[in-house]
PDB file of N, CA and C in Angstrom:
ATOM      1  N   UNK A   1      64.868 -51.157 128.694  1.00  0.00           N
ATOM      2  CA  UNK A   1      64.886 -50.049 129.504  1.00  0.00           C
ATOM      3  C   UNK A   1      65.317 -48.848 129.016  1.00  0.00           C
ATOM      4  N   UNK A   2      64.749 -47.912 129.342  1.00  0.00           N
ATOM      5  CA  UNK A   2      64.348 -46.612 128.623  1.00  0.00           C
ATOM      6  C   UNK A   2      65.888 -45.330 129.347  1.00  0.00           C
ATOM      7  N   UNK A   3      66.369 -45.440 128.853  1.00  0.00           N
ATOM      8  CA  UNK A   3      67.815 -44.600 129.134  1.00  0.00           C
ATOM      9  C   UNK A   3      68.457 -43.531 129.038  1.00  0.00           C
ATOM     10  N   UNK A   4      68.794 -42.254 129.404  1.00  0.00           N
ATOM     11  CA  UNK A   4      69.547 -40.970 128.931  1.00  0.00           C
ATOM     12  C   UNK A   4      71.385 -41.874 128.990  1.00  0.00           C
ATOM     13  N   UNK A   5      71.735 -41.733 127.930  1.00  0.00           N
ATOM     14  CA  UNK A   5      73.180 -41.566 127.482  1.00  0.00           C
ATOM     15  C   UNK A   5      74.260 -40.605 127.187  1.00  0.00           C
ATOM     16  N   UNK A   6      74.999 -39.967 128.322  1.00  0.00           N
ATOM     17  CA  UNK A   6      75.640 -38.952 127.446  1.00  0.00           C
ATOM     18  C   UNK A   6      77.284 -39.436 126.904  1.00  0.00           C
ATOM     19  N   UNK A   7      76.877 -38.720 125.520  1.00  0.00           N
ATOM     20  CA  UNK A   7      78.566 -39.158 124.913  1.00  0.00           C
ATOM     21  C   UNK A   7      79.414 -38.294 125.387  1.00  0.00           C
ATOM     22  N   UNK A   8      80.477 -37.850 124.543  1.00  0.00           N
ATOM     23  CA  UNK A   8      81.410 -36.680 124.308  1.00  0.00           C
ATOM     24  C   UNK A   8      80.912 -35.660 123.981  1.00  0.00           C
ATOM     25  N   UNK A   9      79.941 -35.423 122.543  1.00  0.00           N
ATOM     26  CA  UNK A   9      79.384 -34.500 122.032  1.00  0.00           C
ATOM     27  C   UNK A   9      77.874 -34.297 122.049  1.00  0.00           C
ATOM     28  N   UNK A  10      77.224 -35.652 122.415  1.00  0.00           N
ATOM     29  CA  UNK A  10      75.494 -35.630 122.449  1.00  0.00           C
ATOM     30  C   UNK A  10      74.962 -36.236 123.734  1.00  0.00           C
ATOM     31  N   UNK A  11      73.638 -36.519 123.818  1.00  0.00           N
ATOM     32  CA  UNK A  11      73.051 -36.894 124.554  1.00  0.00           C
ATOM     33  C   UNK A  11      72.022 -37.676 123.778  1.00  0.00           C
ATOM     34  N   UNK A  12      72.032 -38.581 123.987  1.00  0.00           N
ATOM     35  CA  UNK A  12      70.899 -39.825 123.426  1.00  0.00           C
ATOM     36  C   UNK A  12      69.535 -40.768 124.518  1.00  0.00           C
ATOM     37  N   UNK A  13      68.573 -40.209 124.062  1.00  0.00           N
ATOM     38  CA  UNK A  13      67.762 -40.977 125.484  1.00  0.00           C
ATOM     39  C   UNK A  13      66.650 -42.070 124.321  1.00  0.00           C
ATOM     40  N   UNK A  14      67.157 -43.357 125.006  1.00  0.00           N
ATOM     41  CA  UNK A  14      66.476 -44.140 123.988  1.00  0.00           C
ATOM     42  C   UNK A  14      66.061 -45.731 124.959  1.00  0.00           C
ATOM     43  N   UNK A  15      66.350 -46.652 123.868  1.00  0.00           N
ATOM     44  CA  UNK A  15      65.999 -48.355 124.859  1.00  0.00           C
ATOM     45  C   UNK A  15      67.298 -48.858 124.317  1.00  0.00           C
ATOM     46  N   UNK A  16      67.781 -49.007 125.772  1.00  0.00           N
ATOM     47  CA  UNK A  16      68.747 -50.422 126.070  1.00  0.00           C
ATOM     48  C   UNK A  16      68.100 -51.723 126.379  1.00  0.00           C
ATOM     49  N   UNK A  17      68.331 -52.820 126.010  1.00  0.00           N
ATOM     50  CA  UNK A  17      67.795 -53.805 125.898  1.00  0.00           C
ATOM     51  C   UNK A  17      68.746 -54.479 127.138  1.00  0.00           C
ATOM     52  N   UNK A  18      68.094 -55.052 128.006  1.00  0.00           N
ATOM     53  CA  UNK A  18      68.996 -55.799 129.377  1.00  0.00           C
ATOM     54  C   UNK A  18      68.266 -57.064 129.342  1.00  0.00           C
ATOM     55  N   UNK A  19      69.179 -57.990 129.443  1.00  0.00           N
ATOM     56  CA  UNK A  19      68.890 -59.470 129.639  1.00  0.00           C
ATOM     57  C   UNK A  19      68.266 -59.365 131.017  1.00  0.00           C
ATOM     58  N   UNK A  20      66.789 -60.760 131.205  1.00  0.00           N
ATOM     59  CA  UNK A  20      66.394 -60.968 132.368  1.00  0.00           C
ATOM     60  C   UNK A  20      67.145 -61.001 133.409  1.00  0.00           C
ATOM     61  N   UNK A  21      68.403 -61.961 133.116  1.00  0.00           N
ATOM     62  CA  UNK A  21      69.654 -62.188 134.371  1.00  0.00           C
ATOM     63  C   UNK A  21      70.401 -60.862 134.005  1.00  0.00           C
ATOM     64  N   UNK A  22      70.061 -60.052 133.711  1.00  0.00           N
ATOM     65  CA  UNK A  22      71.533 -59.170 134.095  1.00  0.00           C
ATOM     66  C   UNK A  22      71.174 -58.043 134.392  1.00  0.00           C
ATOM     67  N   UNK A  23      71.781 -56.733 135.424  1.00  0.00           N
ATOM     68  CA  UNK A  23      71.463 -55.794 135.716  1.00  0.00           C
ATOM     69  C   UNK A  23      72.350 -54.689 134.436  1.00  0.00           C
ATOM     70  N   UNK A  24      71.754 -53.767 134.069  1.00  0.00           N
ATOM     71  CA  UNK A  24      71.909 -52.142 132.928  1.00  0.00           C
ATOM     72  C   UNK A  24      73.776 -52.261 133.132  1.00  0.00           C
ATOM     73  N   UNK A  25      74.287 -52.290 134.599  1.00  0.00           N
ATOM     74  CA  UNK A  25      75.459 -52.503 134.508  1.00  0.00           C
ATOM     75  C   UNK A  25      76.140 -53.101 133.632  1.00  0.00           C
ATOM     76  N   UNK A  26      75.806 -54.679 134.091  1.00  0.00           N
ATOM     77  CA  UNK A  26      76.032 -55.789 133.465  1.00  0.00           C
ATOM     78  C   UNK A  26      76.268 -55.448 131.365  1.00  0.00           C
ATOM     79  N   UNK A  27      75.504 -55.085 131.208  1.00  0.00           N
ATOM     80  CA  UNK A  27      75.364 -54.840 129.795  1.00  0.00           C
ATOM     81  C   UNK A  27      76.462 -53.691 129.388  1.00  0.00           C
ATOM     82  N   UNK A  28      76.017 -52.556 130.665  1.00  0.00           N
ATOM     83  CA  UNK A  28      77.447 -51.694 129.686  1.00  0.00           C
ATOM     84  C   UNK A  28      78.712 -52.499 129.922  1.00  0.00           C
ATOM     85  N   UNK A  29      79.313 -52.989 130.809  1.00  0.00           N
ATOM     86  CA  UNK A  29      80.344 -53.837 131.162  1.00  0.00           C
ATOM     87  C   UNK A  29      80.989 -54.825 129.894  1.00  0.00           C
ATOM     88  N   UNK A  30      79.750 -54.965 129.014  1.00  0.00           N
ATOM     89  CA  UNK A  30      79.784 -56.404 127.894  1.00  0.00           C
ATOM     90  C   UNK A  30      81.039 -56.125 127.143  1.00  0.00           C
ATOM     91  N   UNK A  31      81.348 -56.749 126.592  1.00  0.00           N
ATOM     92  CA  UNK A  31      83.027 -56.233 125.530  1.00  0.00           C
ATOM     93  C   UNK A  31      82.939 -56.413 124.536  1.00  0.00           C
ATOM     94  N   UNK A  32      81.840 -56.491 124.282  1.00  0.00           N
ATOM     95  CA  UNK A  32      81.397 -55.835 122.913  1.00  0.00           C
ATOM     96  C   UNK A  32      81.783 -53.981 122.665  1.00  0.00           C
ATOM     97  N   UNK A  33      81.987 -54.036 121.391  1.00  0.00           N
ATOM     98  CA  UNK A  33      82.799 -52.589 121.146  1.00  0.00           C
ATOM     99  C   UNK A  33      81.756 -51.349 121.126  1.00  0.00           C
ATOM    100  N   UNK A  34      80.433 -51.767 120.903  1.00  0.00           N
ATOM    101  CA  UNK A  34      79.327 -50.953 120.649  1.00  0.00           C
ATOM    102  C   UNK A  34      77.793 -51.730 121.270  1.00  0.00           C
ATOM    103  N   UNK A  35      77.405 -50.729 121.999  1.00  0.00           N
ATOM    104  CA  UNK A  35      75.618 -50.521 122.419  1.00  0.00           C
ATOM    105  C   UNK A  35      74.486 -50.196 121.704  1.00  0.00           C
ATOM    106  N   UNK A  36      73.602 -51.171 121.614  1.00  0.00           N
ATOM    107  CA  UNK A  36      72.628 -50.834 120.769  1.00  0.00           C
ATOM    108  C   UNK A  36      71.735 -50.055 121.577  1.00  0.00           C
ATOM    109  N   UNK A  37      71.193 -49.010 121.082  1.00  0.00           N
ATOM    110  CA  UNK A  37      70.160 -48.273 121.230  1.00  0.00           C
ATOM    111  C   UNK A  37      68.655 -48.080 120.260  1.00  0.00           C
ATOM    112  N   UNK A  38      67.646 -48.121 120.483  1.00  0.00           N
ATOM    113  CA  UNK A  38      66.790 -48.135 119.492  1.00  0.00           C
ATOM    114  C   UNK A  38      65.645 -46.940 119.886  1.00  0.00           C
ATOM    115  N   UNK A  39      65.032 -46.750 119.419  1.00  0.00           N
ATOM    116  CA  UNK A  39      63.556 -45.345 119.590  1.00  0.00           C
ATOM    117  C   UNK A  39      64.609 -44.084 119.932  1.00  0.00           C
ATOM    118  N   UNK A  40      65.627 -43.925 119.546  1.00  0.00           N
ATOM    119  CA  UNK A  40      66.539 -42.964 119.943  1.00  0.00           C
ATOM    120  C   UNK A  40      66.380 -41.821 119.578  1.00  0.00           C
ATOM    121  N   UNK A  41      66.230 -40.347 120.594  1.00  0.00           N
ATOM    122  CA  UNK A  41      66.006 -39.326 120.138  1.00  0.00           C
ATOM    123  C   UNK A  41      67.566 -38.351 120.726  1.00  0.00           C
ATOM    124  N   UNK A  42      68.418 -38.064 119.627  1.00  0.00           N
ATOM    125  CA  UNK A  42      69.801 -37.748 119.838  1.00  0.00           C
ATOM    126  C   UNK A  42      69.603 -35.925 119.952  1.00  0.00           C
ATOM    127  N   UNK A  43      70.458 -35.546 120.996  1.00  0.00           N
ATOM    128  CA  UNK A  43      70.719 -33.854 121.118  1.00  0.00           C
ATOM    129  C   UNK A  43      71.809 -33.487 120.645  1.00  0.00           C
ATOM    130  N   UNK A  44      72.227 -32.757 120.822  1.00  0.00           N
ATOM    131  CA  UNK A  44      73.576 -31.881 121.021  1.00  0.00           C
ATOM    132  C   UNK A  44      74.104 -31.110 122.277  1.00  0.00           C
ATOM    133  N   UNK A  45      75.071 -30.952 122.430  1.00  0.00           N
ATOM    134  CA  UNK A  45      75.575 -30.342 123.403  1.00  0.00           C
ATOM    135  C   UNK A  45      74.559 -29.574 124.593  1.00  0.00           C
ATOM    136  N   UNK A  46      73.854 -28.676 123.823  1.00  0.00           N
ATOM    137  CA  UNK A  46      73.241 -27.545 124.406  1.00  0.00           C
ATOM    138  C   UNK A  46      71.500 -27.983 124.573  1.00  0.00           C
ATOM    139  N   UNK A  47      71.535 -29.558 124.146  1.00  0.00           N
ATOM    140  CA  UNK A  47      70.211 -29.893 124.772  1.00  0.00           C
ATOM    141  C   UNK A  47      69.319 -29.610 123.136  1.00  0.00           C
ATOM    142  N   UNK A  48      69.618 -29.431 121.782  1.00  0.00           N
ATOM    143  CA  UNK A  48      68.551 -28.864 121.234  1.00  0.00           C
ATOM    144  C   UNK A  48      68.782 -30.216 120.188  1.00  0.00           C
ATOM    145  N   UNK A  49      67.436 -30.656 119.930  1.00  0.00           N
ATOM    146  CA  UNK A  49      67.095 -32.135 119.147  1.00  0.00           C
ATOM    147  C   UNK A  49      67.877 -31.653 118.036  1.00  0.00           C
ATOM    148  N   UNK A  50      68.722 -33.050 117.503  1.00  0.00           N
ATOM    149  CA  UNK A  50      69.028 -33.261 116.293  1.00  0.00           C
ATOM    150  C   UNK A  50      68.254 -34.075 115.708  1.00  0.00           C
ATOM    151  N   UNK A  51      68.048 -35.491 116.151  1.00  0.00           N
ATOM    152  CA  UNK A  51      67.335 -36.445 114.832  1.00  0.00           C
ATOM    153  C   UNK A  51      66.793 -37.477 115.768  1.00  0.00           C
ATOM    154  N   UNK A  52      65.915 -38.300 114.987  1.00  0.00           N
ATOM    155  CA  UNK A  52      65.121 -39.351 115.858  1.00  0.00           C
ATOM    156  C   UNK A  52      65.648 -40.611 114.828  1.00  0.00           C
ATOM    157  N   UNK A  53      66.013 -41.837 115.543  1.00  0.00           N
ATOM    158  CA  UNK A  53      66.058 -42.776 114.680  1.00  0.00           C
ATOM    159  C   UNK A  53      65.674 -44.068 115.721  1.00  0.00           C
ATOM    160  N   UNK A  54      65.112 -45.154 114.703  1.00  0.00           N
ATOM    161  CA  UNK A  54      65.238 -46.767 115.246  1.00  0.00           C
ATOM    162  C   UNK A  54      66.076 -47.334 115.992  1.00  0.00           C
ATOM    163  N   UNK A  55      67.504 -46.825 115.360  1.00  0.00           N
ATOM    164  CA  UNK A  55      68.364 -47.820 115.922  1.00  0.00           C
ATOM    165  C   UNK A  55      69.676 -46.729 115.304  1.00  0.00           C
ATOM    166  N   UNK A  56      70.476 -46.687 116.640  1.00  0.00           N
ATOM    167  CA  UNK A  56      71.933 -46.365 116.646  1.00  0.00           C
ATOM    168  C   UNK A  56      72.868 -47.328 117.277  1.00  0.00           C
ATOM    169  N   UNK A  57      74.053 -47.243 117.298  1.00  0.00           N
ATOM    170  CA  UNK A  57      75.116 -48.022 117.640  1.00  0.00           C
ATOM    171  C   UNK A  57      76.190 -47.066 118.060  1.00  0.00           C
ATOM    172  N   UNK A  58      76.213 -47.304 119.816  1.00  0.00           N
ATOM    173  CA  UNK A  58      76.925 -46.139 120.240  1.00  0.00           C
ATOM    174  C   UNK A  58      78.478 -46.375 120.658  1.00  0.00           C
ATOM    175  N   UNK A  59      79.517 -45.989 120.039  1.00  0.00           N
ATOM    176  CA  UNK A  59      80.828 -46.982 120.870  1.00  0.00           C
ATOM    177  C   UNK A  59      81.405 -47.036 122.178  1.00  0.00           C
ATOM    178  N   UNK A  60      81.276 -47.684 123.131  1.00  0.00           N
ATOM    179  CA  UNK A  60      81.206 -47.562 124.492  1.00  0.00           C
ATOM    180  C   UNK A  60      82.595 -46.442 124.729  1.00  0.00           C
ATOM    181  N   UNK A  61      83.363 -46.522 123.642  1.00  0.00           N
ATOM    182  CA  UNK A  61      84.379 -45.283 124.227  1.00  0.00           C
ATOM    183  C   UNK A  61      83.878 -44.289 124.229  1.00  0.00           C
ATOM    184  N   UNK A  62      82.898 -43.511 123.484  1.00  0.00           N
ATOM    185  CA  UNK A  62      82.523 -42.388 123.891  1.00  0.00           C
ATOM    186  C   UNK A  62      81.542 -42.234 124.879  1.00  0.00           C
ATOM    187  N   UNK A  63      81.139 -43.269 125.452  1.00  0.00           N
ATOM    188  CA  UNK A  63      80.043 -43.013 126.791  1.00  0.00           C
ATOM    189  C   UNK A  63      80.701 -42.229 127.917  1.00  0.00           C
ATOM    190  N   UNK A  64      79.940 -41.342 128.317  1.00  0.00           N
ATOM    191  CA  UNK A  64      80.635 -40.602 129.754  1.00  0.00           C
ATOM    192  C   UNK A  64      79.578 -41.496 130.735  1.00  0.00           C
ATOM    193  N   UNK A  65      78.531 -41.148 130.517  1.00  0.00           N
ATOM    194  CA  UNK A  65      78.020 -41.989 132.022  1.00  0.00           C
ATOM    195  C   UNK A  65      76.358 -42.279 130.924  1.00  0.00           C
ATOM    196  N   UNK A  66      75.423 -42.923 131.594  1.00  0.00           N
ATOM    197  CA  UNK A  66      74.165 -43.256 131.620  1.00  0.00           C
ATOM    198  C   UNK A  66      73.338 -43.500 133.030  1.00  0.00           C
ATOM    199  N   UNK A  67      72.398 -43.569 132.688  1.00  0.00           N
ATOM    200  CA  UNK A  67      71.472 -43.249 133.726  1.00  0.00           C
ATOM    201  C   UNK A  67      70.074 -43.982 133.122  1.00  0.00           C
ATOM    202  N   UNK A  68      69.575 -44.537 133.807  1.00  0.00           N
ATOM    203  CA  UNK A  68      67.633 -44.726 133.445  1.00  0.00           C
ATOM    204  C   UNK A  68      66.888 -43.823 133.503  1.00  0.00           C
ATOM    205  N   UNK A  69      66.015 -43.938 132.229  1.00  0.00           N
ATOM    206  CA  UNK A  69      65.438 -42.660 132.043  1.00  0.00           C
ATOM    207  C   UNK A  69      64.160 -41.972 133.087  1.00  0.00           C
ATOM    208  N   UNK A  70      64.203 -43.087 133.845  1.00  0.00           N
ATOM    209  CA  UNK A  70      62.643 -43.024 134.948  1.00  0.00           C
ATOM    210  C   UNK A  70      63.636 -41.993 136.378  1.00  0.00           C
ATOM    211  N   UNK A  71      65.069 -42.249 136.283  1.00  0.00           N
ATOM    212  CA  UNK A  71      65.778 -41.785 137.316  1.00  0.00           C
ATOM    213  C   UNK A  71      65.763 -40.254 137.021  1.00  0.00           C
ATOM    214  N   UNK A  72      65.907 -40.103 135.925  1.00  0.00           N
ATOM    215  CA  UNK A  72      65.826 -38.702 135.560  1.00  0.00           C
ATOM    216  C   UNK A  72      64.559 -38.260 135.759  1.00  0.00           C
ATOM    217  N   UNK A  73      63.896 -38.102 135.474  1.00  0.00           N
ATOM    218  CA  UNK A  73      62.212 -37.639 135.704  1.00  0.00           C
ATOM    219  C   UNK A  73      62.350 -37.736 137.113  1.00  0.00           C
ATOM    220  N   UNK A  74      62.573 -38.421 137.910  1.00  0.00           N
ATOM    221  CA  UNK A  74      62.382 -38.084 139.446  1.00  0.00           C
ATOM    222  C   UNK A  74      62.870 -36.978 139.604  1.00  0.00           C
ATOM    223  N   UNK A  75      64.546 -37.104 139.244  1.00  0.00           N
ATOM    224  CA  UNK A  75      65.168 -35.770 139.734  1.00  0.00           C
ATOM    225  C   UNK A  75      64.342 -34.944 139.489  1.00  0.00           C
ATOM    226  N   UNK A  76      64.238 -34.542 138.074  1.00  0.00           N
ATOM    227  CA  UNK A  76      63.544 -33.470 137.792  1.00  0.00           C
ATOM    228  C   UNK A  76      62.218 -33.054 138.620  1.00  0.00           C
ATOM    229  N   UNK A  77      61.051 -33.722 138.881  1.00  0.00           N
ATOM    230  CA  UNK A  77      60.370 -34.084 139.905  1.00  0.00           C
ATOM    231  C   UNK A  77      60.588 -33.430 141.130  1.00  0.00           C
ATOM    232  N   UNK A  78      61.514 -33.357 141.569  1.00  0.00           N
ATOM    233  CA  UNK A  78      62.209 -32.961 142.981  1.00  0.00           C
ATOM    234  C   UNK A  78      62.540 -31.872 142.919  1.00  0.00           C
ATOM    235  N   UNK A  79      63.110 -31.103 141.979  1.00  0.00           N
ATOM    236  CA  UNK A  79      63.441 -29.829 142.146  1.00  0.00           C
ATOM    237  C   UNK A  79      62.252 -29.055 141.623  1.00  0.00           C
TER     238      UNK A  79
END
């Protein structure tokens, strides 16, 4: 699932894998310390592109919010 993840200091656009019998929320509530993101574009707090990586592990403690990228595109289309 393509998502946007806001951390304390960065915004990450990438893929989070959700098991077929789970929801994104279930994956985020998993007990592991990190969430794996693939094909990630990382931006700073001002929205400036920093780098692209095939894989990044994000500490769940640093995550402020997560939204499916599809919903972000719909919000932008409405405004």
